[in-house]
């Protein structure tokens, strides 16, 4: 069966462990907006880890979406839904752009961003965790051509 690659709903903390070019959807809170690079730094402190200094964070390249975003979407503290692809950061670029210790060596090339609105973060975390657990139990078969 041919068609677009399905989007996988993930927690932001899972992104670094995914294969490159995976298509993902996740929720993140704006920590920083790097105007010169056209990147958002998003974070989501789930799962919570004792002794962890900073919540997991990921860079999101918004250059292709810039004109469609509103100023409110770029404000620190705004929760966003992001759809995009996992890409590898060029060597050395990660620390030049955003020296944040919790950033991974990958970034997200965003294809769609929309505000989460008045999302109930705890409920979102519980539901997505439940979906992950069900997927693990069922071990859904992969379509093969």
Protein backbone atom coordinates (compact mmCIF):
# COMPACT_ATOMS: atom_id res chain seq x y z
CA UNK A 1 0.00 0.00 0.00
CA UNK A 2 1.46 3.34 -1.02
CA UNK A 3 0.69 6.62 0.64
CA UNK A 4 2.09 9.18 2.99
CA UNK A 5 4.19 8.07 5.92
CA UNK A 6 2.03 7.87 9.06
CA UNK A 7 2.63 10.33 11.86
CA UNK A 8 3.65 8.87 15.23
CA UNK A 9 2.43 10.63 18.37
CA UNK A 10 5.34 10.83 20.79
CA UNK A 11 6.48 12.57 23.91
CA UNK A 12 9.13 15.19 23.26
CA UNK A 13 11.55 13.12 25.41
CA UNK A 14 11.29 10.21 22.92
CA UNK A 15 12.39 12.18 19.86
CA UNK A 16 16.13 11.63 20.30
CA UNK A 17 15.64 7.84 20.26
CA UNK A 18 13.64 7.76 17.02
CA UNK A 19 15.10 6.93 13.61
CA UNK A 20 16.04 9.87 11.42
CA UNK A 21 13.29 10.99 9.03
CA UNK A 22 10.52 9.69 11.33
CA UNK A 23 7.34 11.73 11.00
CA UNK A 24 6.18 12.79 14.46
CA UNK A 25 3.55 14.76 16.27
CA UNK A 26 4.25 16.04 19.77
CA UNK A 27 3.39 18.72 22.28
CA UNK A 28 5.97 21.18 23.58
CA UNK A 29 6.21 24.43 25.48
CA UNK A 30 8.22 27.31 23.99
CA UNK A 31 11.37 27.83 26.06
CA UNK A 32 13.22 30.06 23.60
CA UNK A 33 12.84 31.55 20.15
CA UNK A 34 16.07 31.97 18.19
CA UNK A 35 15.14 34.64 15.66
CA UNK A 36 18.39 34.53 13.68
CA UNK A 37 18.20 30.75 13.10
CA UNK A 38 14.42 30.50 12.77
CA UNK A 39 14.27 27.88 15.51
CA UNK A 40 12.07 27.35 18.52
CA UNK A 41 13.38 25.48 21.54
CA UNK A 42 10.49 23.46 22.93
CA UNK A 43 10.43 21.54 26.21
CA UNK A 44 8.11 19.14 28.01
CA UNK A 45 9.02 17.77 31.41
CA UNK A 46 7.62 14.27 30.92
CA UNK A 47 8.47 11.79 32.18
CA UNK A 48 9.72 13.62 35.24
CA UNK A 49 13.13 12.39 36.35
CA UNK A 50 14.48 13.10 39.82
CA UNK A 51 17.71 15.04 39.81
CA UNK A 52 17.25 16.17 36.22
CA UNK A 53 18.32 19.82 36.01
CA UNK A 54 16.38 20.75 32.88
CA UNK A 55 13.37 19.23 31.14
CA UNK A 56 13.96 17.48 27.81
CA UNK A 57 14.10 19.97 24.94
CA UNK A 58 14.26 19.89 21.16
CA UNK A 59 15.02 22.44 18.45
CA UNK A 60 12.24 22.97 15.92
CA UNK A 61 13.09 24.57 12.58
CA UNK A 62 10.17 26.85 11.69
CA UNK A 63 11.68 28.58 8.66
CA UNK A 64 9.17 27.17 6.15
CA UNK A 65 6.24 28.04 8.42
CA UNK A 66 7.38 31.44 9.60
CA UNK A 67 4.89 33.51 7.61
CA UNK A 68 1.92 31.44 8.79
CA UNK A 69 2.80 31.68 12.51
CA UNK A 70 1.40 34.34 14.80
CA UNK A 71 3.41 36.25 17.40
CA UNK A 72 1.48 34.43 20.16
CA UNK A 73 2.80 31.09 18.82
CA UNK A 74 6.38 32.23 19.47
CA UNK A 75 5.94 33.46 23.04
CA UNK A 76 7.79 31.75 25.86
CA UNK A 77 5.39 29.50 27.75
CA UNK A 78 3.07 28.82 24.80
CA UNK A 79 2.14 25.15 24.31
CA UNK A 80 2.29 24.03 20.67
CA UNK A 81 1.36 20.94 18.68
CA UNK A 82 4.14 20.18 16.20
CA UNK A 83 4.12 17.89 13.18
CA UNK A 84 7.43 17.33 11.47
CA UNK A 85 10.37 15.14 10.63
CA UNK A 86 13.30 14.08 12.81
CA UNK A 87 16.51 15.39 11.24
CA UNK A 88 20.16 15.19 12.25
CA UNK A 89 21.84 18.38 13.39
CA UNK A 90 24.99 19.32 11.50
CA UNK A 91 28.12 18.79 13.62
CA UNK A 92 28.69 21.70 15.98
CA UNK A 93 25.53 23.58 14.98
CA UNK A 94 23.56 22.55 18.06
CA UNK A 95 25.74 24.37 20.59
CA UNK A 96 26.18 27.44 18.36
CA UNK A 97 22.45 27.94 18.03
CA UNK A 98 21.26 27.09 21.53
CA UNK A 99 23.66 26.02 24.26
CA UNK A 100 21.04 24.17 26.31
CA UNK A 101 22.30 20.98 27.92
CA UNK A 102 19.09 18.99 27.49
CA UNK A 103 19.04 19.34 23.67
CA UNK A 104 19.67 16.20 21.66
CA UNK A 105 21.72 15.85 18.49
CA UNK A 106 18.55 15.91 16.37
CA UNK A 107 16.05 18.60 15.51
CA UNK A 108 12.54 18.70 14.06
CA UNK A 109 11.89 20.08 10.62
CA UNK A 110 8.35 21.37 11.20
CA UNK A 111 5.70 21.04 8.52
CA UNK A 112 2.79 22.19 10.70
CA UNK A 113 2.50 23.99 14.02
CA UNK A 114 -0.68 24.99 15.79
CA UNK A 115 -1.40 26.22 19.31
CA UNK A 116 -2.47 23.65 21.88
CA UNK A 117 -4.83 26.16 23.46
CA UNK A 118 -6.08 25.39 26.96
CA UNK A 119 -4.67 21.86 26.95
CA UNK A 120 -4.77 19.86 30.18
CA UNK A 121 -1.16 18.70 30.24
CA UNK A 122 -1.67 15.99 32.88
CA UNK A 123 -4.59 14.50 30.97
CA UNK A 124 -2.64 14.65 27.69
CA UNK A 125 0.32 12.85 29.33
CA UNK A 126 -1.94 10.15 30.82
CA UNK A 127 -3.79 9.49 27.55
CA UNK A 128 -0.64 9.35 25.41
CA UNK A 129 1.03 7.05 27.96
CA UNK A 130 -2.04 4.78 27.84
CA UNK A 131 -1.87 4.70 24.02
CA UNK A 132 1.83 3.76 24.18
CA UNK A 133 1.08 0.93 26.63
CA UNK A 134 -1.73 -0.42 24.44
CA UNK A 135 0.52 -0.29 21.36
CA UNK A 136 3.17 -2.27 23.27
CA UNK A 137 0.65 -4.94 24.32
CA UNK A 138 -0.91 -5.27 20.89
CA UNK A 139 2.35 -4.96 18.90
CA UNK A 140 0.47 -3.71 15.88
CA UNK A 141 1.57 -5.37 12.64
CA UNK A 142 3.48 -3.32 10.10
CA UNK A 143 2.12 -3.20 6.53
CA UNK A 144 4.52 -4.79 4.03
CA UNK A 145 4.26 -4.47 0.27
